Amino acid sequence: MKILNVRDARFKAYGKVVEGLDVSSLLKALEETPKPDDVIYVASDEKLEACDCAEKIAYSLFGGMPIQIGYCNGSNYLLNAVEYHRDSEVNAALTDLILILGKEQDIEADNTYDTSKMEAFLVPAGTVIEVYATTLHYAPCNVNGNKFCTAVILPKGTNTDAPAVQNNTVEDKLLFARNKWLIAHKDAKIEGAFEGLIGENLSVKDC
């Protein structure tokens, strides 16, 4: 895949780079989070949420809504799945990382999605980005084989246990966790997930 920078104009369809917020205390706290050989995601971390920039993030990026600050760290080079929320997600990258992104608007009526429509973007260390609610995304990927580490900031309660199953709309089969709709690739073998990604399970390993 061709890797673009988040400051490239093409990223504007998926999100934006956030300027003006001092997140140095958050990045420092991220240094103490675990960096496993696989991928770890923690939705809410008390030490990160205690950072002095948390209130400013909540005000400026979520309009004063209650938020949670967690992290996604580790090692990965495959797409595996795509997810989306009803709200933007904010990432503050401690390390360089790559995000593979798509558009919710390209999901077909049967909830399938063609991975050939996705683009990959480099998020340089220290960058804060907003990923729009309509942007398909999943776990970050390594840069040059190095592990990644990023804060993940979302409305409070997102990505926690899913509510009881209902079948009101065709989209309900994608609801994988609270405020998290997910479409998986069959090769990823994610238990309980709807397998609707069509095409290659994209990789940045040799990029």
Protein backbone atom coordinates (compact mmCIF):
# COMPACT_ATOMS: atom_id res chain seq x y z
CA MET A 1 0.00 0.00 0.00
CA LYS A 2 1.05 3.58 -0.56
CA ILE A 3 1.43 5.34 2.79
CA LEU A 4 0.35 8.98 2.87
CA ASN A 5 0.93 11.43 5.72
CA VAL A 6 -2.05 12.68 7.72
CA ARG A 7 -1.08 16.18 6.59
CA ASP A 8 -1.79 15.14 3.01
CA ALA A 9 -4.97 16.68 1.60
CA ARG A 10 -6.47 13.19 1.11
CA PHE A 11 -6.73 12.74 4.88
CA LYS A 12 -9.37 15.48 5.04
CA ALA A 13 -12.00 12.97 3.93
CA TYR A 14 -11.30 10.88 7.02
CA GLY A 15 -10.33 13.32 9.76
CA LYS A 16 -8.12 16.23 10.65
CA VAL A 17 -4.91 17.05 12.48
CA VAL A 18 -5.65 18.83 15.75
CA GLU A 19 -3.50 21.88 16.43
CA GLY A 20 -3.12 23.99 19.57
CA LEU A 21 -3.69 21.41 22.32
CA ASP A 22 -0.76 20.68 24.64
CA VAL A 23 -0.94 16.92 25.27
CA SER A 24 2.61 16.53 26.60
CA SER A 25 1.35 15.21 29.97
CA LEU A 26 -0.75 12.59 28.20
CA LEU A 27 2.15 11.48 26.02
CA LYS A 28 4.37 11.20 29.09
CA ALA A 29 1.78 9.04 30.86
CA LEU A 30 1.55 6.82 27.76
CA GLU A 31 5.21 5.94 28.19
CA GLU A 32 4.24 3.90 31.26
CA THR A 33 1.58 1.80 29.49
CA PRO A 34 2.40 -1.79 28.41
CA LYS A 35 3.80 -2.47 24.93
CA PRO A 36 3.10 -6.16 24.21
CA ASP A 37 4.14 -8.17 21.16
CA ASP A 38 0.49 -8.39 20.06
CA VAL A 39 -2.18 -5.68 20.38
CA ILE A 40 -3.66 -4.43 23.65
CA TYR A 41 -6.59 -2.04 23.88
CA VAL A 42 -7.78 -0.49 27.14
CA ALA A 43 -10.83 1.75 26.81
CA SER A 44 -10.35 3.74 30.00
CA ASP A 45 -7.18 4.28 32.04
CA GLU A 46 -7.28 6.30 35.26
CA LYS A 47 -3.73 7.64 34.93
CA LEU A 48 -4.35 8.91 31.42
CA GLU A 49 -7.68 10.44 32.40
CA ALA A 50 -5.97 12.24 35.31
CA CYS A 51 -3.66 14.16 32.95
CA ASP A 52 -4.05 17.93 33.10
CA CYS A 53 -4.98 18.09 29.41
CA ALA A 54 -7.99 15.73 29.74
CA GLU A 55 -10.45 18.51 30.56
CA LYS A 56 -9.21 20.61 27.64
CA ILE A 57 -9.61 17.66 25.27
CA ALA A 58 -13.15 17.07 26.51
CA TYR A 59 -14.04 20.74 26.03
CA SER A 60 -12.34 21.47 22.71
CA LEU A 61 -12.83 18.16 20.90
CA PHE A 62 -16.04 16.75 22.40
CA GLY A 63 -17.91 19.92 23.34
CA GLY A 64 -17.85 19.16 27.05
CA MET A 65 -19.24 15.63 26.74
CA PRO A 66 -17.98 13.00 29.22
CA ILE A 67 -15.02 11.19 27.70
CA GLN A 68 -12.79 8.20 28.32
CA ILE A 69 -9.06 8.08 27.62
CA GLY A 70 -7.48 4.72 26.98
CA TYR A 71 -4.73 3.35 24.81
CA CYS A 72 -3.96 0.95 21.97
CA ASN A 73 -0.40 -0.39 21.94
CA GLY A 74 1.63 -3.22 20.54
CA SER A 75 2.58 -4.73 17.22
CA ASN A 76 0.42 -5.22 14.13
CA TYR A 77 0.64 -4.94 10.35
CA LEU A 78 -2.74 -6.27 9.15
CA LEU A 79 -6.13 -4.61 8.69
CA ASN A 80 -8.15 -7.59 10.09
CA ALA A 81 -11.39 -5.60 10.55
CA VAL A 82 -12.97 -2.17 10.35
CA GLU A 83 -15.03 -0.42 12.99
CA TYR A 84 -16.89 2.85 13.29
CA HIS A 85 -18.68 4.81 16.01
CA ARG A 86 -21.43 7.41 16.13
CA ASP A 87 -18.85 9.94 17.29
CA SER A 88 -15.35 11.02 16.34
CA GLU A 89 -12.36 9.27 17.85
CA VAL A 90 -9.25 11.22 18.88
CA ASN A 91 -5.79 9.69 18.81
CA ALA A 92 -2.65 11.15 20.39
CA ALA A 93 0.30 9.20 19.02
CA LEU A 94 3.30 8.61 21.26
CA THR A 95 5.06 6.77 18.42
CA ASP A 96 4.88 6.80 14.67
CA LEU A 97 2.01 4.58 13.52
CA ILE A 98 -0.02 3.78 10.41
CA LEU A 99 -3.83 3.81 10.18
CA ILE A 100 -5.70 2.06 7.36
CA LEU A 101 -8.89 4.03 6.74
CA GLY A 102 -12.09 3.80 4.71
CA LYS A 103 -15.53 5.39 4.50
CA GLU A 104 -18.75 4.17 6.07
CA GLN A 105 -20.56 5.47 2.97
CA ASP A 106 -18.93 2.67 0.94
CA ILE A 107 -20.45 -0.15 3.01
CA GLU A 108 -22.88 -2.08 0.80
CA ALA A 109 -26.54 -2.72 1.62
CA ASP A 110 -25.67 -6.26 2.76
CA ASN A 111 -23.03 -4.86 5.17
CA THR A 112 -20.08 -6.00 3.07
CA TYR A 113 -17.17 -3.70 2.32
CA ASP A 114 -14.42 -3.88 -0.32
CA THR A 115 -11.00 -3.35 1.26
CA SER A 116 -9.55 -2.10 -2.05
CA LYS A 117 -11.23 1.24 -1.28
CA MET A 118 -9.05 1.88 1.79
CA GLU A 119 -6.06 4.20 2.15
CA ALA A 120 -3.17 4.15 4.63
CA PHE A 121 -1.84 7.15 6.52
CA LEU A 122 1.24 7.76 8.64
CA VAL A 123 0.55 9.47 11.97
CA PRO A 124 3.90 10.88 13.16
CA ALA A 125 4.85 10.67 16.84
CA GLY A 126 3.40 13.56 18.85
CA THR A 127 0.52 14.16 16.43
CA VAL A 128 -3.09 14.49 17.62
CA ILE A 129 -5.77 13.60 15.09
CA GLU A 130 -9.55 13.48 15.01
CA VAL A 131 -10.94 10.48 13.10
CA TYR A 132 -14.47 11.27 11.96
CA ALA A 133 -17.44 9.11 12.97
CA THR A 134 -17.96 7.99 9.37
CA THR A 135 -14.37 6.78 9.03
CA LEU A 136 -13.71 3.05 9.07
CA HIS A 137 -10.63 2.19 11.10
CA TYR A 138 -9.18 -0.46 13.38
CA ALA A 139 -5.95 -1.15 15.27
CA PRO A 140 -2.90 0.88 14.20
CA CYS A 141 0.02 -0.71 12.38
CA ASN A 142 3.77 -0.64 12.99
CA VAL A 143 6.19 1.69 11.26
CA ASN A 144 9.51 0.07 10.27
CA GLY A 145 8.78 -2.89 12.53
CA ASN A 146 8.65 -0.76 15.68
CA LYS A 147 5.82 -1.15 18.19
CA PHE A 148 3.13 1.53 18.26
CA CYS A 149 1.52 3.40 21.16
CA THR A 150 -1.38 5.83 21.04
CA ALA A 151 -4.03 7.30 23.29
CA VAL A 152 -7.60 6.56 22.19
CA ILE A 153 -10.15 9.14 23.29
CA LEU A 154 -13.87 8.54 22.85
CA PRO A 155 -17.22 9.39 24.46
CA LYS A 156 -17.52 7.64 27.81
CA GLY A 157 -18.78 4.06 27.56
CA THR A 158 -17.63 3.41 23.99
CA ASN A 159 -16.14 -0.02 23.30
CA THR A 160 -17.44 -1.47 26.57
CA ASP A 161 -19.74 -4.52 26.74
CA ALA A 162 -22.38 -4.57 24.02
CA PRO A 163 -26.05 -4.12 24.98
CA ALA A 164 -28.45 -7.05 24.69
CA VAL A 165 -28.94 -8.20 21.11
CA GLN A 166 -31.82 -6.71 19.14
CA ASN A 167 -32.71 -7.04 15.46
CA ASN A 168 -34.31 -3.75 14.52
CA THR A 169 -32.21 -2.90 11.44
CA VAL A 170 -29.80 -4.70 9.12
CA GLU A 171 -26.96 -2.78 10.76
CA ASP A 172 -27.68 -4.33 14.17
CA LYS A 173 -25.71 -7.48 13.24
CA LEU A 174 -22.56 -5.31 13.18
CA LEU A 175 -22.93 -4.03 16.76
CA PHE A 176 -19.94 -5.64 18.47
CA ALA A 177 -19.59 -3.46 21.59
CA ARG A 178 -21.21 -0.32 22.94
CA ASN A 179 -21.05 2.37 20.24
CA LYS A 180 -18.89 0.06 18.10
CA TRP A 181 -20.01 -1.41 14.78
CA LEU A 182 -17.52 -3.92 13.34
CA ILE A 183 -16.97 -5.75 10.05
CA ALA A 184 -14.26 -8.42 10.15
CA HIS A 185 -12.16 -10.19 7.54
CA LYS A 186 -12.58 -13.97 7.53
CA ASP A 187 -8.81 -14.44 7.88
CA ALA A 188 -8.82 -12.57 11.21
CA LYS A 189 -11.16 -15.12 12.83
CA ILE A 190 -12.64 -12.63 15.31
CA GLU A 191 -15.12 -14.58 17.39
CA GLY A 192 -18.67 -13.26 17.20
CA ALA A 193 -17.88 -10.70 14.50
CA PHE A 194 -19.75 -10.29 11.22
CA GLU A 195 -17.36 -11.34 8.44
CA GLY A 196 -18.11 -8.89 5.67
CA LEU A 197 -14.75 -7.57 4.45
CA ILE A 198 -14.35 -8.47 0.79
CA GLY A 199 -10.94 -8.69 -0.82
CA GLU A 200 -7.46 -8.70 0.65
CA ASN A 201 -6.75 -8.49 4.36
CA LEU A 202 -4.55 -5.44 3.79
CA SER A 203 -0.98 -5.42 5.11
CA VAL A 204 1.62 -2.68 5.60
CA LYS A 205 4.39 -5.16 6.46
CA ASP A 206 6.36 -4.58 3.27
CA CYS A 207 5.48 -0.93 2.76
